[in-house]
């Protein structure tokens, strides 16, 4: 698979375009529907964090996504933004909460780390680069 690149503006209504591409590609390369959805969900959560926390709201600023497949068949999702530095690769501490009263919001990083096999971060110049990897189901 050739790498796929898609850039959106940091608007909530544009996140679906990235997620749709992930669903399509993940299923084409053999991921089941649940796993493909998990990759899409992790991307949506990361983009929501970029918009809400990084850019502090919707903005005409870019979120670029590169979608690639490793030689082993792992799906590699790379998100690039120009928000202030934030290392999302550090696994957050699981907050305690009751299933009768779950928290509203604040679980995006938990979701990302639960559904993806590997989460990496680096800062190059003014860019955050978040890499999320889901290993091949084969």
C-alpha atoms as a PDB file:
ATOM      1  CA  UNK A   1       0.000   0.000   0.000  1.00  0.00           C
ATOM      2  CA  UNK A   2       1.270   3.431  -0.865  1.00  0.00           C
ATOM      3  CA  UNK A   3       1.097   5.921   2.003  1.00  0.00           C
ATOM      4  CA  UNK A   4      -2.118   7.948   2.026  1.00  0.00           C
ATOM      5  CA  UNK A   5      -1.957  11.609   3.055  1.00  0.00           C
ATOM      6  CA  UNK A   6      -4.953  13.712   3.972  1.00  0.00           C
ATOM      7  CA  UNK A   7      -4.964  17.174   5.548  1.00  0.00           C
ATOM      8  CA  UNK A   8      -7.994  18.795   7.140  1.00  0.00           C
ATOM      9  CA  UNK A   9      -8.624  22.070   8.905  1.00  0.00           C
ATOM     10  CA  UNK A  10      -9.104  21.802  12.665  1.00  0.00           C
ATOM     11  CA  UNK A  11     -12.898  21.688  12.565  1.00  0.00           C
ATOM     12  CA  UNK A  12     -14.951  18.977  14.268  1.00  0.00           C
ATOM     13  CA  UNK A  13     -17.017  18.334  11.141  1.00  0.00           C
ATOM     14  CA  UNK A  14     -13.893  17.458   9.137  1.00  0.00           C
ATOM     15  CA  UNK A  15     -12.704  14.660  11.448  1.00  0.00           C
ATOM     16  CA  UNK A  16     -15.122  12.207   9.818  1.00  0.00           C
ATOM     17  CA  UNK A  17     -13.163  12.455   6.557  1.00  0.00           C
ATOM     18  CA  UNK A  18     -10.040  11.076   8.282  1.00  0.00           C
ATOM     19  CA  UNK A  19     -12.024   8.396  10.101  1.00  0.00           C
ATOM     20  CA  UNK A  20     -13.782   7.252   6.924  1.00  0.00           C
ATOM     21  CA  UNK A  21     -10.428   6.811   5.172  1.00  0.00           C
ATOM     22  CA  UNK A  22      -9.089   4.759   8.092  1.00  0.00           C
ATOM     23  CA  UNK A  23     -12.170   2.507   8.099  1.00  0.00           C
ATOM     24  CA  UNK A  24     -11.896   1.942   4.361  1.00  0.00           C
ATOM     25  CA  UNK A  25      -8.164   1.212   4.314  1.00  0.00           C
ATOM     26  CA  UNK A  26      -8.163  -0.914   7.489  1.00  0.00           C
ATOM     27  CA  UNK A  27     -10.886  -3.181   6.120  1.00  0.00           C
ATOM     28  CA  UNK A  28      -9.190  -3.385   2.701  1.00  0.00           C
ATOM     29  CA  UNK A  29      -5.985  -4.681   4.306  1.00  0.00           C
ATOM     30  CA  UNK A  30      -7.754  -7.316   6.402  1.00  0.00           C
ATOM     31  CA  UNK A  31      -8.738  -5.735   9.706  1.00  0.00           C
ATOM     32  CA  UNK A  32     -12.178  -6.783  10.935  1.00  0.00           C
ATOM     33  CA  UNK A  33     -14.918  -4.182  11.348  1.00  0.00           C
ATOM     34  CA  UNK A  34     -14.404  -3.817  15.120  1.00  0.00           C
ATOM     35  CA  UNK A  35     -10.645  -3.313  14.833  1.00  0.00           C
ATOM     36  CA  UNK A  36     -11.045  -0.889  11.932  1.00  0.00           C
ATOM     37  CA  UNK A  37     -13.566   1.077  14.000  1.00  0.00           C
ATOM     38  CA  UNK A  38     -11.165   1.107  16.970  1.00  0.00           C
ATOM     39  CA  UNK A  39      -8.446   2.673  14.805  1.00  0.00           C
ATOM     40  CA  UNK A  40     -10.934   5.232  13.541  1.00  0.00           C
ATOM     41  CA  UNK A  41     -12.106   5.995  17.094  1.00  0.00           C
ATOM     42  CA  UNK A  42      -8.534   6.513  18.331  1.00  0.00           C
ATOM     43  CA  UNK A  43      -7.934   8.953  15.482  1.00  0.00           C
ATOM     44  CA  UNK A  44     -11.146  10.844  16.216  1.00  0.00           C
ATOM     45  CA  UNK A  45     -10.181  11.128  19.894  1.00  0.00           C
ATOM     46  CA  UNK A  46      -6.688  12.367  19.020  1.00  0.00           C
ATOM     47  CA  UNK A  47      -8.103  14.955  16.605  1.00  0.00           C
ATOM     48  CA  UNK A  48     -10.646  16.122  19.194  1.00  0.00           C
ATOM     49  CA  UNK A  49      -7.754  16.629  21.623  1.00  0.00           C
ATOM     50  CA  UNK A  50      -5.743  18.547  19.029  1.00  0.00           C
ATOM     51  CA  UNK A  51      -8.688  20.836  18.319  1.00  0.00           C
ATOM     52  CA  UNK A  52      -9.908  21.311  21.885  1.00  0.00           C
ATOM     53  CA  UNK A  53      -6.645  21.338  23.853  1.00  0.00           C
ATOM     54  CA  UNK A  54      -3.937  22.067  21.284  1.00  0.00           C
ATOM     55  CA  UNK A  55      -5.572  24.679  19.102  1.00  0.00           C
ATOM     56  CA  UNK A  56      -7.991  25.698  21.932  1.00  0.00           C
ATOM     57  CA  UNK A  57     -10.990  25.439  19.628  1.00  0.00           C
ATOM     58  CA  UNK A  58     -11.812  25.099  15.968  1.00  0.00           C
ATOM     59  CA  UNK A  59      -9.358  26.942  13.764  1.00  0.00           C
ATOM     60  CA  UNK A  60      -8.196  27.172  10.181  1.00  0.00           C
ATOM     61  CA  UNK A  61      -5.065  25.316  11.192  1.00  0.00           C
ATOM     62  CA  UNK A  62      -3.975  21.978   9.752  1.00  0.00           C
ATOM     63  CA  UNK A  63      -4.210  18.456  11.032  1.00  0.00           C
ATOM     64  CA  UNK A  64      -2.380  16.184   8.605  1.00  0.00           C
ATOM     65  CA  UNK A  65      -2.750  12.423   8.624  1.00  0.00           C
ATOM     66  CA  UNK A  66      -0.476   9.910   6.970  1.00  0.00           C
ATOM     67  CA  UNK A  67      -1.843   6.390   6.751  1.00  0.00           C
ATOM     68  CA  UNK A  68       0.567   3.598   5.925  1.00  0.00           C
ATOM     69  CA  UNK A  69       1.076  -0.130   6.289  1.00  0.00           C
ATOM     70  CA  UNK A  70       4.279  -1.623   7.704  1.00  0.00           C
ATOM     71  CA  UNK A  71       5.999  -4.587   6.073  1.00  0.00           C
ATOM     72  CA  UNK A  72       4.421  -6.773   8.777  1.00  0.00           C
ATOM     73  CA  UNK A  73       0.946  -5.466   7.922  1.00  0.00           C
ATOM     74  CA  UNK A  74       0.515  -3.115  10.874  1.00  0.00           C
ATOM     75  CA  UNK A  75      -1.593  -0.023  10.266  1.00  0.00           C
ATOM     76  CA  UNK A  76       0.383   3.147  11.004  1.00  0.00           C
ATOM     77  CA  UNK A  77      -1.580   6.339  11.578  1.00  0.00           C
ATOM     78  CA  UNK A  78       0.469   9.506  11.931  1.00  0.00           C
ATOM     79  CA  UNK A  79      -1.175  12.796  12.939  1.00  0.00           C
ATOM     80  CA  UNK A  80       0.739  16.043  12.556  1.00  0.00           C
ATOM     81  CA  UNK A  81      -0.356  19.365  14.014  1.00  0.00           C
ATOM     82  CA  UNK A  82       1.158  22.729  14.866  1.00  0.00           C
ATOM     83  CA  UNK A  83      -0.271  23.138  18.375  1.00  0.00           C
ATOM     84  CA  UNK A  84       1.908  23.618  21.460  1.00  0.00           C
ATOM     85  CA  UNK A  85       3.901  20.525  22.414  1.00  0.00           C
ATOM     86  CA  UNK A  86       1.944  17.728  24.084  1.00  0.00           C
ATOM     87  CA  UNK A  87       3.183  14.181  24.531  1.00  0.00           C
ATOM     88  CA  UNK A  88       0.133  11.942  24.081  1.00  0.00           C
ATOM     89  CA  UNK A  89       2.281   8.802  24.045  1.00  0.00           C
ATOM     90  CA  UNK A  90       2.472   8.689  27.836  1.00  0.00           C
ATOM     91  CA  UNK A  91      -0.203   6.314  29.072  1.00  0.00           C
ATOM     92  CA  UNK A  92      -2.488   8.229  31.439  1.00  0.00           C
ATOM     93  CA  UNK A  93      -3.331   6.933  34.877  1.00  0.00           C
ATOM     94  CA  UNK A  94      -6.709   5.191  34.846  1.00  0.00           C
ATOM     95  CA  UNK A  95      -9.054   7.351  36.902  1.00  0.00           C
ATOM     96  CA  UNK A  96     -11.316   5.590  39.363  1.00  0.00           C
ATOM     97  CA  UNK A  97     -14.992   5.872  38.545  1.00  0.00           C
ATOM     98  CA  UNK A  98     -18.168   3.976  39.034  1.00  0.00           C
ATOM     99  CA  UNK A  99     -19.972   2.344  36.119  1.00  0.00           C
ATOM    100  CA  UNK A 100     -23.092   3.955  37.598  1.00  0.00           C
ATOM    101  CA  UNK A 101     -21.518   7.399  37.208  1.00  0.00           C
ATOM    102  CA  UNK A 102     -18.894   7.385  34.444  1.00  0.00           C
ATOM    103  CA  UNK A 103     -17.060  10.632  33.707  1.00  0.00           C
ATOM    104  CA  UNK A 104     -18.126  12.792  30.795  1.00  0.00           C
ATOM    105  CA  UNK A 105     -15.099  13.587  28.673  1.00  0.00           C
ATOM    106  CA  UNK A 106     -11.478  13.256  29.636  1.00  0.00           C
ATOM    107  CA  UNK A 107     -11.097   9.657  28.453  1.00  0.00           C
ATOM    108  CA  UNK A 108      -9.649  10.287  24.990  1.00  0.00           C
ATOM    109  CA  UNK A 109      -6.091   9.298  25.883  1.00  0.00           C
ATOM    110  CA  UNK A 110      -7.379   6.239  27.742  1.00  0.00           C
ATOM    111  CA  UNK A 111      -9.269   5.146  24.634  1.00  0.00           C
ATOM    112  CA  UNK A 112      -6.295   5.749  22.350  1.00  0.00           C
ATOM    113  CA  UNK A 113      -3.979   3.678  24.555  1.00  0.00           C
ATOM    114  CA  UNK A 114      -6.515   0.890  25.024  1.00  0.00           C
ATOM    115  CA  UNK A 115      -7.317   0.321  21.358  1.00  0.00           C
ATOM    116  CA  UNK A 116      -3.936   0.948  19.727  1.00  0.00           C
ATOM    117  CA  UNK A 117      -0.958  -1.381  20.172  1.00  0.00           C
ATOM    118  CA  UNK A 118       1.665   1.359  20.186  1.00  0.00           C
ATOM    119  CA  UNK A 119       1.494   5.137  20.643  1.00  0.00           C
ATOM    120  CA  UNK A 120       4.570   7.268  19.922  1.00  0.00           C
ATOM    121  CA  UNK A 121       5.204  11.009  20.028  1.00  0.00           C
ATOM    122  CA  UNK A 122       7.886  13.330  18.775  1.00  0.00           C
ATOM    123  CA  UNK A 123       8.199  17.060  18.323  1.00  0.00           C
ATOM    124  CA  UNK A 124      10.037  18.364  15.288  1.00  0.00           C
ATOM    125  CA  UNK A 125      10.315  22.131  15.105  1.00  0.00           C
ATOM    126  CA  UNK A 126       6.798  23.460  15.588  1.00  0.00           C
ATOM    127  CA  UNK A 127       5.060  20.179  14.824  1.00  0.00           C
ATOM    128  CA  UNK A 128       3.625  17.472  17.070  1.00  0.00           C
ATOM    129  CA  UNK A 129       3.786  14.051  15.454  1.00  0.00           C
ATOM    130  CA  UNK A 130       1.586  11.404  17.046  1.00  0.00           C
ATOM    131  CA  UNK A 131       2.054   7.896  15.664  1.00  0.00           C
ATOM    132  CA  UNK A 132      -0.520   5.232  16.478  1.00  0.00           C
ATOM    133  CA  UNK A 133       0.084   1.629  15.414  1.00  0.00           C
ATOM    134  CA  UNK A 134      -2.344  -1.284  15.250  1.00  0.00           C
ATOM    135  CA  UNK A 135      -0.754  -4.658  14.562  1.00  0.00           C
ATOM    136  CA  UNK A 136      -2.060  -6.837  11.781  1.00  0.00           C
ATOM    137  CA  UNK A 137      -4.758  -9.323  12.711  1.00  0.00           C
ATOM    138  CA  UNK A 138      -3.006 -11.984  10.553  1.00  0.00           C
END
